[in-house]
């Protein structure tokens, strides 16, 4: 067995999900860049929402608990 195969086997045994790596290797560099840009846009949008909610917290009425 090669050291790469050993590393993959050990990672899988430790519970790592390598499907995202395998998927990424099927993409061109431009496709990977587009996926990265999409993921980054999502993170930035979630951060914006979090910051907005933090700046304007909603009160919870006792009846809705």
C-alpha atoms as a PDB file:
ATOM      1  CA  UNK A   1       0.000   0.000   0.000  1.00  0.00           C
ATOM      2  CA  UNK A   2       1.218   3.511  -0.761  1.00  0.00           C
ATOM      3  CA  UNK A   3       1.457   6.146   1.932  1.00  0.00           C
ATOM      4  CA  UNK A   4      -1.385   8.080   0.213  1.00  0.00           C
ATOM      5  CA  UNK A   5      -3.632   5.023   0.341  1.00  0.00           C
ATOM      6  CA  UNK A   6      -2.666   4.469   3.971  1.00  0.00           C
ATOM      7  CA  UNK A   7      -3.539   8.098   4.789  1.00  0.00           C
ATOM      8  CA  UNK A   8      -6.927   7.828   3.066  1.00  0.00           C
ATOM      9  CA  UNK A   9      -7.718   4.559   4.842  1.00  0.00           C
ATOM     10  CA  UNK A  10      -6.697   6.022   8.181  1.00  0.00           C
ATOM     11  CA  UNK A  11      -8.792   9.171   7.601  1.00  0.00           C
ATOM     12  CA  UNK A  12     -11.861   7.099   6.709  1.00  0.00           C
ATOM     13  CA  UNK A  13     -11.314   4.894   9.754  1.00  0.00           C
ATOM     14  CA  UNK A  14     -11.154   8.041  11.908  1.00  0.00           C
ATOM     15  CA  UNK A  15     -14.535   9.130  10.529  1.00  0.00           C
ATOM     16  CA  UNK A  16     -13.533  11.763   7.981  1.00  0.00           C
ATOM     17  CA  UNK A  17     -15.985  12.204   5.121  1.00  0.00           C
ATOM     18  CA  UNK A  18     -13.827  12.480   2.008  1.00  0.00           C
ATOM     19  CA  UNK A  19     -16.761  12.883  -0.387  1.00  0.00           C
ATOM     20  CA  UNK A  20     -16.275  16.665  -0.576  1.00  0.00           C
ATOM     21  CA  UNK A  21     -12.619  16.191  -1.491  1.00  0.00           C
ATOM     22  CA  UNK A  22     -13.572  13.640  -4.116  1.00  0.00           C
ATOM     23  CA  UNK A  23     -16.213  16.007  -5.516  1.00  0.00           C
ATOM     24  CA  UNK A  24     -13.772  18.908  -5.582  1.00  0.00           C
ATOM     25  CA  UNK A  25     -11.264  16.850  -7.550  1.00  0.00           C
ATOM     26  CA  UNK A  26     -13.843  16.359 -10.315  1.00  0.00           C
ATOM     27  CA  UNK A  27     -14.163  20.127 -10.833  1.00  0.00           C
ATOM     28  CA  UNK A  28     -12.070  22.462 -12.930  1.00  0.00           C
ATOM     29  CA  UNK A  29     -10.260  25.274 -11.106  1.00  0.00           C
ATOM     30  CA  UNK A  30     -12.858  27.752 -12.429  1.00  0.00           C
ATOM     31  CA  UNK A  31     -15.708  25.572 -11.105  1.00  0.00           C
ATOM     32  CA  UNK A  32     -13.997  25.293  -7.709  1.00  0.00           C
ATOM     33  CA  UNK A  33     -13.606  29.089  -7.645  1.00  0.00           C
ATOM     34  CA  UNK A  34     -17.322  29.543  -8.415  1.00  0.00           C
ATOM     35  CA  UNK A  35     -18.279  27.113  -5.642  1.00  0.00           C
ATOM     36  CA  UNK A  36     -15.977  28.951  -3.251  1.00  0.00           C
ATOM     37  CA  UNK A  37     -17.499  32.306  -4.223  1.00  0.00           C
ATOM     38  CA  UNK A  38     -20.990  30.918  -3.613  1.00  0.00           C
ATOM     39  CA  UNK A  39     -20.034  29.532  -0.212  1.00  0.00           C
ATOM     40  CA  UNK A  40     -18.351  32.801   0.736  1.00  0.00           C
ATOM     41  CA  UNK A  41     -21.429  34.788  -0.306  1.00  0.00           C
ATOM     42  CA  UNK A  42     -23.582  32.536   1.896  1.00  0.00           C
ATOM     43  CA  UNK A  43     -21.299  32.999   4.909  1.00  0.00           C
ATOM     44  CA  UNK A  44     -21.229  36.773   4.437  1.00  0.00           C
ATOM     45  CA  UNK A  45     -25.032  36.867   4.172  1.00  0.00           C
ATOM     46  CA  UNK A  46     -25.402  34.793   7.350  1.00  0.00           C
ATOM     47  CA  UNK A  47     -22.983  37.112   9.153  1.00  0.00           C
ATOM     48  CA  UNK A  48     -24.976  40.137   7.947  1.00  0.00           C
ATOM     49  CA  UNK A  49     -28.213  38.595   9.248  1.00  0.00           C
ATOM     50  CA  UNK A  50     -26.579  37.743  12.572  1.00  0.00           C
ATOM     51  CA  UNK A  51     -25.246  41.282  12.949  1.00  0.00           C
ATOM     52  CA  UNK A  52     -28.624  42.772  12.037  1.00  0.00           C
ATOM     53  CA  UNK A  53     -30.435  40.573  14.563  1.00  0.00           C
ATOM     54  CA  UNK A  54     -27.845  41.403  17.212  1.00  0.00           C
ATOM     55  CA  UNK A  55     -28.321  45.129  16.589  1.00  0.00           C
ATOM     56  CA  UNK A  56     -32.131  44.825  16.728  1.00  0.00           C
ATOM     57  CA  UNK A  57     -33.066  41.969  19.075  1.00  0.00           C
ATOM     58  CA  UNK A  58     -36.684  40.866  19.034  1.00  0.00           C
ATOM     59  CA  UNK A  59     -38.472  40.651  22.346  1.00  0.00           C
ATOM     60  CA  UNK A  60     -40.253  37.411  23.155  1.00  0.00           C
ATOM     61  CA  UNK A  61     -43.685  37.854  24.657  1.00  0.00           C
ATOM     62  CA  UNK A  62     -44.620  35.462  27.487  1.00  0.00           C
ATOM     63  CA  UNK A  63     -47.551  34.131  25.423  1.00  0.00           C
ATOM     64  CA  UNK A  64     -45.241  32.907  22.635  1.00  0.00           C
ATOM     65  CA  UNK A  65     -43.027  30.839  24.929  1.00  0.00           C
END
